[in-house]
N, C-alpha and C. Protein backbone atom coordinates (compact mmCIF):
# COMPACT_ATOMS: atom_id res chain seq x y z
N UNK A 1 101.23 98.68 126.30
CA UNK A 1 102.37 99.08 125.48
C UNK A 1 103.69 98.63 126.11
N UNK A 2 103.81 98.84 127.41
CA UNK A 2 105.04 98.44 128.10
C UNK A 2 105.18 96.92 128.13
N UNK A 3 104.03 96.23 128.26
CA UNK A 3 104.06 94.76 128.25
C UNK A 3 104.54 94.24 126.91
N UNK A 4 104.07 94.86 125.83
CA UNK A 4 104.50 94.44 124.49
C UNK A 4 105.98 94.72 124.31
N UNK A 5 106.44 95.86 124.79
CA UNK A 5 107.87 96.17 124.67
C UNK A 5 108.70 95.12 125.39
N UNK A 6 108.26 94.70 126.58
CA UNK A 6 108.99 93.67 127.32
C UNK A 6 109.02 92.36 126.54
N UNK A 7 107.91 92.03 125.87
CA UNK A 7 107.87 90.80 125.09
C UNK A 7 108.80 90.88 123.88
N UNK A 8 108.91 92.05 123.28
CA UNK A 8 109.84 92.23 122.16
C UNK A 8 111.26 91.99 122.62
N UNK A 9 111.61 92.56 123.77
CA UNK A 9 112.96 92.36 124.33
C UNK A 9 113.20 90.88 124.62
N UNK A 10 112.19 90.23 125.17
CA UNK A 10 112.33 88.83 125.56
C UNK A 10 112.42 87.89 124.37
N UNK A 11 111.52 88.05 123.39
CA UNK A 11 111.44 87.09 122.28
C UNK A 11 112.43 87.38 121.17
N UNK A 12 112.79 88.65 120.97
CA UNK A 12 113.66 88.98 119.83
C UNK A 12 115.08 89.34 120.22
N UNK A 13 115.30 89.61 121.49
CA UNK A 13 116.63 90.02 121.93
C UNK A 13 117.11 89.22 123.13
N UNK A 14 116.51 88.05 123.33
CA UNK A 14 116.94 87.17 124.42
C UNK A 14 116.89 87.80 125.78
N UNK A 15 116.02 88.78 125.95
CA UNK A 15 115.88 89.45 127.24
C UNK A 15 116.93 90.52 127.49
N UNK A 16 117.78 90.81 126.50
CA UNK A 16 118.86 91.78 126.69
C UNK A 16 118.40 93.20 126.36
N UNK A 17 118.30 94.02 127.37
CA UNK A 17 117.96 95.43 127.16
C UNK A 17 119.03 96.14 126.35
N UNK A 18 120.28 95.77 126.59
CA UNK A 18 121.38 96.41 125.86
C UNK A 18 121.27 96.13 124.37
N UNK A 19 121.00 94.87 124.03
CA UNK A 19 120.86 94.53 122.61
C UNK A 19 119.67 95.25 121.99
N UNK A 20 118.59 95.36 122.74
CA UNK A 20 117.39 96.05 122.26
C UNK A 20 117.68 97.52 121.98
N UNK A 21 118.30 98.20 122.93
CA UNK A 21 118.60 99.62 122.76
C UNK A 21 119.61 99.85 121.64
N UNK A 22 120.54 98.90 121.49
CA UNK A 22 121.52 99.00 120.42
C UNK A 22 120.83 98.89 119.06
N UNK A 23 119.87 97.96 118.94
CA UNK A 23 119.13 97.80 117.69
C UNK A 23 118.30 99.04 117.38
N UNK A 24 117.72 99.63 118.41
CA UNK A 24 116.98 100.87 118.21
C UNK A 24 117.91 101.97 117.72
N UNK A 25 119.10 102.03 118.29
CA UNK A 25 120.07 103.04 117.88
C UNK A 25 120.44 102.92 116.42
N UNK A 26 120.48 101.68 115.93
CA UNK A 26 120.86 101.46 114.53
C UNK A 26 119.82 102.02 113.56
N UNK A 27 118.57 102.12 114.00
CA UNK A 27 117.54 102.70 113.13
C UNK A 27 117.22 104.13 113.53
N UNK A 28 118.04 104.69 114.41
CA UNK A 28 117.89 106.09 114.78
C UNK A 28 116.73 106.36 115.72
N UNK A 29 116.37 105.37 116.55
CA UNK A 29 115.26 105.55 117.48
C UNK A 29 115.72 105.34 118.91
N UNK A 30 115.06 106.00 119.83
CA UNK A 30 115.29 105.80 121.25
C UNK A 30 114.10 105.10 121.87
N UNK A 31 114.14 104.90 123.17
CA UNK A 31 113.06 104.17 123.83
C UNK A 31 111.72 104.91 123.72
N UNK A 32 111.74 106.24 123.84
CA UNK A 32 110.49 107.00 123.76
C UNK A 32 109.85 106.83 122.39
N UNK A 33 110.66 106.96 121.34
CA UNK A 33 110.13 106.79 119.98
C UNK A 33 109.63 105.37 119.78
N UNK A 34 110.37 104.38 120.32
CA UNK A 34 109.97 102.98 120.17
C UNK A 34 108.61 102.74 120.79
N UNK A 35 108.40 103.28 121.99
CA UNK A 35 107.11 103.09 122.65
C UNK A 35 106.00 103.79 121.87
N UNK A 36 106.32 104.90 121.26
CA UNK A 36 105.33 105.58 120.42
C UNK A 36 104.93 104.73 119.23
N UNK A 37 105.91 104.05 118.62
CA UNK A 37 105.63 103.20 117.46
C UNK A 37 104.81 101.99 117.87
N UNK A 38 105.14 101.41 119.02
CA UNK A 38 104.36 100.28 119.53
C UNK A 38 102.93 100.72 119.83
N UNK A 39 102.79 101.87 120.48
CA UNK A 39 101.47 102.38 120.80
C UNK A 39 100.64 102.67 119.56
N UNK A 40 101.29 103.16 118.51
CA UNK A 40 100.60 103.45 117.26
C UNK A 40 100.01 102.17 116.68
N UNK A 41 100.78 101.09 116.73
CA UNK A 41 100.28 99.81 116.22
C UNK A 41 99.12 99.28 117.06
N UNK A 42 99.22 99.42 118.37
CA UNK A 42 98.16 98.94 119.24
C UNK A 42 96.86 99.71 119.03
N UNK A 43 96.97 101.02 118.85
CA UNK A 43 95.77 101.82 118.60
C UNK A 43 95.14 101.44 117.26
N UNK A 44 96.00 101.24 116.25
CA UNK A 44 95.49 100.85 114.94
C UNK A 44 94.78 99.51 115.02
N UNK A 45 95.35 98.55 115.77
CA UNK A 45 94.73 97.24 115.90
C UNK A 45 93.37 97.33 116.58
N UNK A 46 93.27 98.21 117.55
CA UNK A 46 91.99 98.37 118.26
C UNK A 46 90.91 98.85 117.30
N UNK A 47 91.27 99.80 116.43
CA UNK A 47 90.31 100.32 115.46
C UNK A 47 90.00 99.27 114.40
N UNK A 48 91.04 98.61 113.89
CA UNK A 48 90.85 97.58 112.87
C UNK A 48 89.90 96.50 113.35
N UNK A 49 90.02 96.13 114.61
CA UNK A 49 89.17 95.08 115.16
C UNK A 49 87.70 95.43 115.18
N UNK A 50 87.37 96.72 115.08
CA UNK A 50 85.98 97.15 115.11
C UNK A 50 85.39 97.32 113.71
N UNK A 51 86.22 97.20 112.69
CA UNK A 51 85.76 97.42 111.32
C UNK A 51 85.20 96.14 110.72
N UNK A 52 84.20 96.32 109.88
CA UNK A 52 83.56 95.17 109.23
C UNK A 52 84.39 94.69 108.05
N UNK A 53 84.29 93.39 107.79
CA UNK A 53 84.95 92.79 106.62
C UNK A 53 84.01 91.76 106.03
N UNK A 54 83.60 91.92 104.78
CA UNK A 54 82.67 90.97 104.17
C UNK A 54 83.34 89.61 103.94
N UNK A 55 82.51 88.60 103.81
CA UNK A 55 83.04 87.27 103.51
C UNK A 55 83.67 87.28 102.12
N UNK A 56 84.90 86.80 101.99
CA UNK A 56 85.58 86.82 100.69
C UNK A 56 84.87 85.95 99.66
N UNK A 57 84.98 86.33 98.42
CA UNK A 57 84.39 85.54 97.34
C UNK A 57 85.22 84.29 97.08
N UNK A 58 84.64 83.34 96.39
CA UNK A 58 85.35 82.11 96.04
C UNK A 58 86.56 82.43 95.17
N UNK A 59 86.41 83.44 94.30
CA UNK A 59 87.52 83.82 93.42
C UNK A 59 88.68 84.40 94.23
N UNK A 60 88.37 85.19 95.27
CA UNK A 60 89.41 85.77 96.11
C UNK A 60 90.15 84.69 96.88
N UNK A 61 89.41 83.70 97.36
CA UNK A 61 90.03 82.58 98.07
C UNK A 61 90.97 81.83 97.14
N UNK A 62 90.53 81.60 95.92
CA UNK A 62 91.35 80.88 94.94
C UNK A 62 92.63 81.66 94.61
N UNK A 63 92.50 82.99 94.46
CA UNK A 63 93.68 83.81 94.17
C UNK A 63 94.68 83.76 95.31
N UNK A 64 94.19 83.85 96.55
CA UNK A 64 95.09 83.79 97.71
C UNK A 64 95.80 82.44 97.74
N UNK A 65 95.04 81.38 97.56
CA UNK A 65 95.62 80.03 97.60
C UNK A 65 96.69 79.86 96.53
N UNK A 66 96.44 80.43 95.35
CA UNK A 66 97.41 80.33 94.25
C UNK A 66 98.64 81.19 94.52
N UNK A 67 98.42 82.42 95.00
CA UNK A 67 99.53 83.34 95.25
C UNK A 67 100.45 82.84 96.35
N UNK A 68 99.85 82.29 97.41
CA UNK A 68 100.63 81.87 98.57
C UNK A 68 100.77 80.35 98.67
N UNK A 69 100.65 79.68 97.54
CA UNK A 69 100.76 78.22 97.52
C UNK A 69 102.03 77.70 98.19
N UNK A 70 103.21 78.37 98.03
CA UNK A 70 104.44 77.85 98.66
C UNK A 70 104.58 78.18 100.15
N UNK A 71 103.72 79.04 100.69
CA UNK A 71 103.85 79.48 102.08
C UNK A 71 103.56 78.32 103.03
N UNK A 72 104.29 78.26 104.15
CA UNK A 72 104.12 77.19 105.11
C UNK A 72 102.75 77.22 105.78
N UNK A 73 102.22 76.01 106.02
CA UNK A 73 100.93 75.88 106.69
C UNK A 73 100.88 74.51 107.37
N UNK A 74 100.04 74.39 108.40
CA UNK A 74 99.84 73.09 109.05
C UNK A 74 98.64 73.15 109.98
N UNK A 75 98.08 71.97 110.28
CA UNK A 75 96.96 71.88 111.22
C UNK A 75 97.49 71.80 112.64
N UNK A 76 96.92 72.63 113.51
CA UNK A 76 97.36 72.66 114.90
C UNK A 76 96.17 72.88 115.83
N UNK A 77 96.43 72.68 117.11
CA UNK A 77 95.49 73.03 118.18
C UNK A 77 96.23 73.96 119.12
N UNK A 78 95.61 75.08 119.49
CA UNK A 78 96.25 76.09 120.33
C UNK A 78 95.38 76.41 121.54
N UNK A 79 96.01 76.58 122.67
CA UNK A 79 95.33 76.99 123.90
C UNK A 79 96.19 78.07 124.59
N UNK A 80 95.62 79.21 124.94
CA UNK A 80 94.29 79.66 124.55
C UNK A 80 94.32 80.20 123.12
N UNK A 81 93.13 80.40 122.53
CA UNK A 81 93.07 80.78 121.13
C UNK A 81 93.71 82.16 120.89
N UNK A 82 94.68 82.24 119.99
CA UNK A 82 95.33 83.52 119.68
C UNK A 82 94.63 84.24 118.54
N UNK A 83 95.06 85.44 118.25
CA UNK A 83 94.46 86.22 117.16
C UNK A 83 94.68 85.58 115.81
N UNK A 84 95.81 84.84 115.66
CA UNK A 84 96.11 84.24 114.36
C UNK A 84 95.44 82.88 114.17
N UNK A 85 94.72 82.38 115.17
CA UNK A 85 93.90 81.18 115.04
C UNK A 85 92.78 81.27 116.09
N UNK A 86 91.84 82.20 115.90
CA UNK A 86 90.83 82.48 116.93
C UNK A 86 89.91 81.31 117.23
N UNK A 87 89.83 80.33 116.31
CA UNK A 87 88.99 79.16 116.57
C UNK A 87 89.65 78.18 117.54
N UNK A 88 90.97 78.35 117.74
CA UNK A 88 91.69 77.46 118.64
C UNK A 88 92.22 76.21 117.97
N UNK A 89 91.71 75.88 116.81
CA UNK A 89 92.19 74.73 116.06
C UNK A 89 91.93 74.95 114.57
N UNK A 90 92.72 74.30 113.75
CA UNK A 90 92.56 74.46 112.31
C UNK A 90 93.91 74.65 111.65
N UNK A 91 93.90 75.17 110.44
CA UNK A 91 95.13 75.38 109.68
C UNK A 91 95.71 76.76 110.01
N UNK A 92 96.96 76.76 110.42
CA UNK A 92 97.69 78.02 110.64
C UNK A 92 98.55 78.29 109.41
N UNK A 93 98.59 79.54 108.98
CA UNK A 93 99.35 79.92 107.79
C UNK A 93 100.44 80.90 108.18
N UNK A 94 101.58 80.79 107.55
CA UNK A 94 102.74 81.62 107.90
C UNK A 94 102.54 83.09 107.58
N UNK A 95 101.46 83.45 106.89
CA UNK A 95 101.18 84.86 106.65
C UNK A 95 100.75 85.59 107.91
N UNK A 96 100.42 84.82 108.97
CA UNK A 96 100.06 85.45 110.24
C UNK A 96 100.59 84.70 111.45
N UNK A 97 100.76 83.40 111.36
CA UNK A 97 101.18 82.60 112.52
C UNK A 97 102.68 82.71 112.76
N UNK A 98 103.12 82.56 114.02
CA UNK A 98 104.56 82.63 114.36
C UNK A 98 105.36 81.50 113.71
N UNK A 99 106.61 81.78 113.40
CA UNK A 99 107.47 80.78 112.77
C UNK A 99 107.61 79.52 113.62
N UNK A 100 107.61 79.68 114.96
CA UNK A 100 107.80 78.53 115.85
C UNK A 100 106.75 77.45 115.64
N UNK A 101 105.56 77.84 115.21
CA UNK A 101 104.47 76.89 114.99
C UNK A 101 104.86 75.84 113.96
N UNK A 102 105.66 76.23 112.99
CA UNK A 102 105.98 75.35 111.88
C UNK A 102 107.23 74.51 112.12
N UNK A 103 107.83 74.66 113.30
CA UNK A 103 109.02 73.88 113.65
C UNK A 103 108.71 72.77 114.66
N UNK A 104 107.48 72.70 115.15
CA UNK A 104 107.12 71.71 116.16
C UNK A 104 107.05 70.31 115.56
N UNK A 105 107.35 69.30 116.38
CA UNK A 105 107.24 67.91 115.96
C UNK A 105 105.77 67.49 116.00
N UNK A 106 105.39 66.66 115.05
CA UNK A 106 104.00 66.21 114.97
C UNK A 106 103.62 65.42 116.23
N UNK A 107 102.44 65.71 116.75
CA UNK A 107 101.93 65.00 117.92
C UNK A 107 102.42 65.53 119.25
N UNK A 108 103.42 66.40 119.22
CA UNK A 108 103.96 66.96 120.45
C UNK A 108 103.27 68.27 120.80
N UNK A 109 103.13 68.52 122.09
CA UNK A 109 102.60 69.79 122.57
C UNK A 109 103.73 70.58 123.19
N UNK A 110 103.85 71.83 122.79
CA UNK A 110 104.93 72.68 123.30
C UNK A 110 104.40 74.08 123.57
N UNK A 111 105.09 74.79 124.44
CA UNK A 111 104.75 76.18 124.73
C UNK A 111 105.61 77.09 123.87
N UNK A 112 104.97 78.00 123.16
CA UNK A 112 105.71 78.97 122.36
C UNK A 112 105.47 80.36 122.93
N UNK A 113 106.49 81.19 122.86
CA UNK A 113 106.39 82.57 123.34
C UNK A 113 106.27 83.50 122.14
N UNK A 114 105.28 84.35 122.16
CA UNK A 114 105.08 85.32 121.09
C UNK A 114 104.84 86.69 121.71
N UNK A 115 104.72 87.69 120.86
CA UNK A 115 104.44 89.04 121.37
C UNK A 115 103.04 89.12 121.96
N UNK A 116 102.18 88.20 121.55
CA UNK A 116 100.81 88.18 122.06
C UNK A 116 100.72 87.47 123.41
N UNK A 117 101.73 86.65 123.71
CA UNK A 117 101.73 85.91 124.96
C UNK A 117 102.26 84.50 124.77
N UNK A 118 102.03 83.64 125.77
CA UNK A 118 102.46 82.24 125.72
C UNK A 118 101.28 81.36 125.31
N UNK A 119 101.56 80.37 124.46
CA UNK A 119 100.50 79.49 123.99
C UNK A 119 101.00 78.04 123.98
N UNK A 120 100.07 77.13 124.30
CA UNK A 120 100.35 75.71 124.20
C UNK A 120 99.87 75.24 122.83
N UNK A 121 100.78 74.70 122.04
CA UNK A 121 100.47 74.34 120.66
C UNK A 121 100.75 72.86 120.44
N UNK A 122 99.81 72.17 119.82
CA UNK A 122 100.01 70.77 119.43
C UNK A 122 99.88 70.67 117.92
N UNK A 123 100.89 70.12 117.28
CA UNK A 123 100.89 69.97 115.83
C UNK A 123 100.19 68.68 115.45
N UNK A 124 99.16 68.78 114.60
CA UNK A 124 98.40 67.60 114.19
C UNK A 124 98.96 66.96 112.93
N UNK A 125 99.60 67.75 112.10
CA UNK A 125 100.17 67.25 110.84
C UNK A 125 101.56 67.84 110.65
N UNK A 126 102.27 67.30 109.66
CA UNK A 126 103.56 67.86 109.29
C UNK A 126 103.35 69.25 108.66
N UNK A 127 104.36 70.08 108.77
CA UNK A 127 104.34 71.36 108.06
C UNK A 127 104.48 71.11 106.57
N UNK A 128 103.69 71.79 105.78
CA UNK A 128 103.78 71.64 104.33
C UNK A 128 103.43 72.97 103.67
N UNK A 129 103.46 72.99 102.36
CA UNK A 129 103.06 74.19 101.63
C UNK A 129 101.54 74.32 101.66
N UNK A 130 101.07 75.55 101.69
CA UNK A 130 99.63 75.79 101.72
C UNK A 130 98.93 75.08 100.57
N UNK A 131 99.54 75.14 99.39
CA UNK A 131 98.93 74.54 98.21
C UNK A 131 98.83 73.03 98.26
N UNK A 132 99.58 72.39 99.18
CA UNK A 132 99.56 70.93 99.28
C UNK A 132 98.47 70.43 100.22
N UNK A 133 97.82 71.31 100.95
CA UNK A 133 96.75 70.94 101.87
C UNK A 133 95.41 71.12 101.16
N UNK A 134 94.47 70.24 101.45
CA UNK A 134 93.19 70.27 100.74
C UNK A 134 92.50 71.62 100.89
N UNK A 135 91.81 71.99 99.84
CA UNK A 135 91.10 73.27 99.83
C UNK A 135 90.05 73.33 100.94
N UNK A 136 89.43 72.20 101.24
CA UNK A 136 88.40 72.15 102.29
C UNK A 136 88.98 72.56 103.64
N UNK A 137 90.20 72.11 103.94
CA UNK A 137 90.81 72.42 105.23
C UNK A 137 91.34 73.85 105.28
N UNK A 138 91.83 74.34 104.15
CA UNK A 138 92.47 75.66 104.15
C UNK A 138 91.50 76.82 103.96
N UNK A 139 90.30 76.54 103.46
CA UNK A 139 89.37 77.63 103.17
C UNK A 139 89.10 78.53 104.38
N UNK A 140 88.77 77.97 105.58
CA UNK A 140 88.51 78.86 106.72
C UNK A 140 89.71 79.75 107.05
N UNK A 141 90.93 79.19 106.95
CA UNK A 141 92.13 79.97 107.24
C UNK A 141 92.34 81.06 106.20
N UNK A 142 92.12 80.74 104.95
CA UNK A 142 92.30 81.73 103.89
C UNK A 142 91.26 82.84 104.01
N UNK A 143 90.02 82.47 104.31
CA UNK A 143 88.99 83.49 104.51
C UNK A 143 89.36 84.41 105.66
N UNK A 144 89.93 83.84 106.72
CA UNK A 144 90.37 84.65 107.87
C UNK A 144 91.45 85.63 107.45
N UNK A 145 92.41 85.18 106.65
CA UNK A 145 93.49 86.06 106.20
C UNK A 145 92.95 87.17 105.30
N UNK A 146 92.02 86.82 104.43
CA UNK A 146 91.46 87.82 103.52
C UNK A 146 90.61 88.85 104.27
N UNK A 147 89.90 88.41 105.28
CA UNK A 147 89.13 89.36 106.08
C UNK A 147 90.07 90.30 106.84
N UNK A 148 91.18 89.77 107.29
CA UNK A 148 92.17 90.61 107.96
C UNK A 148 92.70 91.67 107.01
N UNK A 149 93.00 91.27 105.77
CA UNK A 149 93.46 92.23 104.77
C UNK A 149 92.39 93.28 104.49
N UNK A 150 91.14 92.84 104.42
CA UNK A 150 90.04 93.77 104.14
C UNK A 150 89.91 94.81 105.25
N UNK A 151 90.14 94.38 106.49
CA UNK A 151 90.06 95.32 107.61
C UNK A 151 91.20 96.33 107.56
N UNK A 152 92.37 95.88 107.12
CA UNK A 152 93.51 96.80 106.97
C UNK A 152 93.17 97.86 105.91
N UNK A 153 92.57 97.43 104.80
CA UNK A 153 92.17 98.37 103.76
C UNK A 153 91.09 99.33 104.28
N UNK A 154 90.17 98.78 105.08
CA UNK A 154 89.10 99.62 105.64
C UNK A 154 89.68 100.64 106.61
N UNK A 155 90.73 100.25 107.33
CA UNK A 155 91.37 101.18 108.25
C UNK A 155 92.00 102.34 107.48
N UNK A 156 92.62 102.03 106.35
CA UNK A 156 93.23 103.09 105.53
C UNK A 156 92.15 104.08 105.08
N UNK A 157 91.01 103.55 104.64
CA UNK A 157 89.92 104.43 104.21
C UNK A 157 89.38 105.24 105.39
N UNK A 158 89.28 104.61 106.55
CA UNK A 158 88.82 105.32 107.76
C UNK A 158 89.77 106.46 108.11
N UNK A 159 91.07 106.18 108.04
CA UNK A 159 92.07 107.19 108.38
C UNK A 159 92.03 108.38 107.42
N UNK A 160 91.90 108.08 106.12
CA UNK A 160 91.83 109.16 105.14
C UNK A 160 90.59 110.02 105.39
N UNK A 161 89.49 109.36 105.75
CA UNK A 161 88.27 110.10 106.04
C UNK A 161 88.45 111.04 107.22
N UNK A 162 89.13 110.57 108.25
CA UNK A 162 89.39 111.41 109.42
C UNK A 162 90.30 112.59 109.05
N UNK A 163 91.28 112.32 108.20
CA UNK A 163 92.19 113.39 107.79
C UNK A 163 91.46 114.46 106.97
N UNK A 164 90.58 114.03 106.10
CA UNK A 164 89.80 114.99 105.31
C UNK A 164 88.93 115.85 106.22
N UNK A 165 88.36 115.20 107.24
CA UNK A 165 87.51 115.94 108.16
C UNK A 165 88.28 116.97 108.97
N UNK A 166 89.57 116.70 109.20
CA UNK A 166 90.40 117.62 110.00
C UNK A 166 91.04 118.72 109.15
N UNK A 167 91.06 118.50 107.83
CA UNK A 167 91.77 119.44 106.95
C UNK A 167 91.23 120.86 107.05
N UNK A 168 89.91 120.99 107.25
CA UNK A 168 89.31 122.32 107.29
C UNK A 168 89.73 123.11 108.53
N UNK A 169 90.28 122.41 109.52
CA UNK A 169 90.69 123.08 110.75
C UNK A 169 92.18 123.42 110.76
N UNK A 170 92.86 123.11 109.66
CA UNK A 170 94.30 123.35 109.61
C UNK A 170 94.61 124.74 109.06
N UNK A 171 95.62 125.35 109.63
CA UNK A 171 96.16 126.59 109.09
C UNK A 171 97.64 126.35 108.86
N UNK A 172 98.03 126.34 107.60
CA UNK A 172 99.41 125.98 107.26
C UNK A 172 100.14 127.16 106.63
N UNK A 173 101.43 127.20 106.85
CA UNK A 173 102.26 128.25 106.29
C UNK A 173 102.17 128.25 104.77
N UNK A 174 101.90 129.41 104.19
CA UNK A 174 101.76 129.60 102.75
C UNK A 174 100.68 128.69 102.16
N UNK A 175 99.72 128.29 103.00
CA UNK A 175 98.61 127.43 102.57
C UNK A 175 99.06 126.13 101.93
N UNK A 176 100.21 125.64 102.36
CA UNK A 176 100.71 124.35 101.84
C UNK A 176 100.22 123.24 102.77
N UNK A 177 99.07 122.69 102.46
CA UNK A 177 98.47 121.66 103.30
C UNK A 177 99.21 120.33 103.13
N UNK A 178 99.30 119.55 104.19
CA UNK A 178 99.97 118.24 104.09
C UNK A 178 99.16 117.29 103.22
N UNK A 179 99.85 116.38 102.56
CA UNK A 179 99.16 115.40 101.74
C UNK A 179 98.46 114.37 102.62
N UNK A 180 97.34 113.89 102.15
CA UNK A 180 96.63 112.84 102.87
C UNK A 180 97.33 111.50 102.62
N UNK A 181 97.35 110.67 103.62
CA UNK A 181 97.98 109.36 103.46
C UNK A 181 98.04 108.61 104.77
N UNK A 182 98.31 107.32 104.68
CA UNK A 182 98.44 106.47 105.87
C UNK A 182 99.90 106.06 105.99
N UNK A 183 100.53 106.49 107.05
CA UNK A 183 101.95 106.21 107.27
C UNK A 183 102.09 105.12 108.32
N UNK A 184 102.84 104.08 107.99
CA UNK A 184 103.12 103.01 108.94
C UNK A 184 104.43 103.35 109.66
N UNK A 185 104.31 103.80 110.90
CA UNK A 185 105.51 104.19 111.63
C UNK A 185 106.48 103.03 111.81
N UNK A 186 105.94 101.81 111.91
CA UNK A 186 106.82 100.66 112.15
C UNK A 186 107.71 100.36 110.95
N UNK A 187 107.38 100.92 109.79
CA UNK A 187 108.23 100.70 108.62
C UNK A 187 109.61 101.32 108.83
N UNK A 188 109.72 102.28 109.75
CA UNK A 188 111.01 102.90 110.06
C UNK A 188 111.80 102.08 111.08
N UNK A 189 111.11 101.17 111.76
CA UNK A 189 111.77 100.32 112.77
C UNK A 189 111.10 98.95 112.78
N UNK A 190 111.35 98.12 111.74
CA UNK A 190 110.68 96.82 111.62
C UNK A 190 110.87 95.91 112.84
N UNK A 191 111.92 96.12 113.60
CA UNK A 191 112.17 95.28 114.78
C UNK A 191 111.06 95.42 115.82
N UNK A 192 110.24 96.47 115.69
CA UNK A 192 109.15 96.70 116.63
C UNK A 192 107.80 96.20 116.11
N UNK A 193 107.81 95.55 114.96
CA UNK A 193 106.56 95.08 114.36
C UNK A 193 105.85 94.10 115.29
N UNK A 194 104.53 94.23 115.39
CA UNK A 194 103.74 93.31 116.19
C UNK A 194 103.37 92.05 115.41
N UNK A 195 103.69 92.02 114.13
CA UNK A 195 103.42 90.84 113.32
C UNK A 195 104.42 89.74 113.65
N UNK A 196 103.93 88.50 113.64
CA UNK A 196 104.76 87.36 114.04
C UNK A 196 105.43 86.69 112.85
N UNK A 197 105.08 87.09 111.65
CA UNK A 197 105.55 86.39 110.46
C UNK A 197 107.00 86.71 110.13
N UNK A 198 107.60 85.86 109.30
CA UNK A 198 108.99 86.06 108.90
C UNK A 198 109.10 87.23 107.94
N UNK A 199 110.27 87.87 107.84
CA UNK A 199 110.45 88.99 106.91
C UNK A 199 110.15 88.59 105.47
N UNK A 200 110.50 87.35 105.07
CA UNK A 200 110.26 86.90 103.70
C UNK A 200 108.77 86.83 103.39
N UNK A 201 108.01 86.29 104.34
CA UNK A 201 106.56 86.18 104.13
C UNK A 201 105.91 87.56 104.13
N UNK A 202 106.38 88.44 105.00
CA UNK A 202 105.86 89.80 105.02
C UNK A 202 106.10 90.50 103.69
N UNK A 203 107.28 90.28 103.11
CA UNK A 203 107.61 90.89 101.83
C UNK A 203 106.67 90.39 100.73
N UNK A 204 106.39 89.07 100.75
CA UNK A 204 105.49 88.49 99.77
C UNK A 204 104.08 89.05 99.93
N UNK A 205 103.65 89.19 101.18
CA UNK A 205 102.32 89.72 101.45
C UNK A 205 102.21 91.17 101.00
N UNK A 206 103.26 91.95 101.25
CA UNK A 206 103.28 93.35 100.84
C UNK A 206 103.21 93.46 99.32
N UNK A 207 103.95 92.60 98.62
CA UNK A 207 103.94 92.61 97.16
C UNK A 207 102.56 92.28 96.62
N UNK A 208 101.90 91.30 97.27
CA UNK A 208 100.56 90.92 96.84
C UNK A 208 99.58 92.08 97.01
N UNK A 209 99.69 92.77 98.15
CA UNK A 209 98.78 93.90 98.38
C UNK A 209 98.99 95.01 97.37
N UNK A 210 100.28 95.27 97.05
CA UNK A 210 100.56 96.33 96.07
C UNK A 210 100.02 95.96 94.70
N UNK A 211 100.20 94.71 94.28
CA UNK A 211 99.73 94.28 92.98
C UNK A 211 98.20 94.29 92.93
N UNK A 212 97.57 93.96 94.07
CA UNK A 212 96.11 94.00 94.13
C UNK A 212 95.59 95.41 94.02
N UNK A 213 96.32 96.36 94.66
CA UNK A 213 95.90 97.76 94.61
C UNK A 213 96.04 98.32 93.22
N UNK A 214 97.14 97.94 92.53
CA UNK A 214 97.36 98.47 91.18
C UNK A 214 96.41 97.85 90.18
N UNK A 215 95.95 96.60 90.50
CA UNK A 215 95.02 95.95 89.59
C UNK A 215 93.61 96.47 89.75
């Protein structure tokens, strides 16, 4: 947790503790609350990583490709393999990969700093829209993104199940039991998000998830 906090200060605030604490103050949080929010995300990721996710259907892959056709994507090689490209090579998509990946010059290898750590990245092709890259190349990346979404949904169901199991042990004033739900603490302080994607892409992804849930 402390290591991640240091990386947030380094990558998002140029290493300035003062700027970091000032940004926390703007959202009404202090260092203790910030570390709690970071820890909450890390615990959730640990659980999510243990949950199963079925292979997406061809229709789901097609919907993702259509919905995120304008999103940036490119073929790269990364060392060591990060969570957003666990194979170490292939198509990286801006729905999970850091923005720096899409600014590299073709054929050049560079070190990028992320909240996950430092990585050596070589760009194999120019950055382009996801929809402009062949379906054969993008399918593994899209399936990876869809499985990640499925695990997030599975985590929500897991959390609700745990809450239901605990409800019988609660004693509340005037028998007013709390509502069941999954609260994302980082939504109160987005600057602490462990996601590497841009705010615009995150907004698009959130909209897609909401529309999928309502459908």
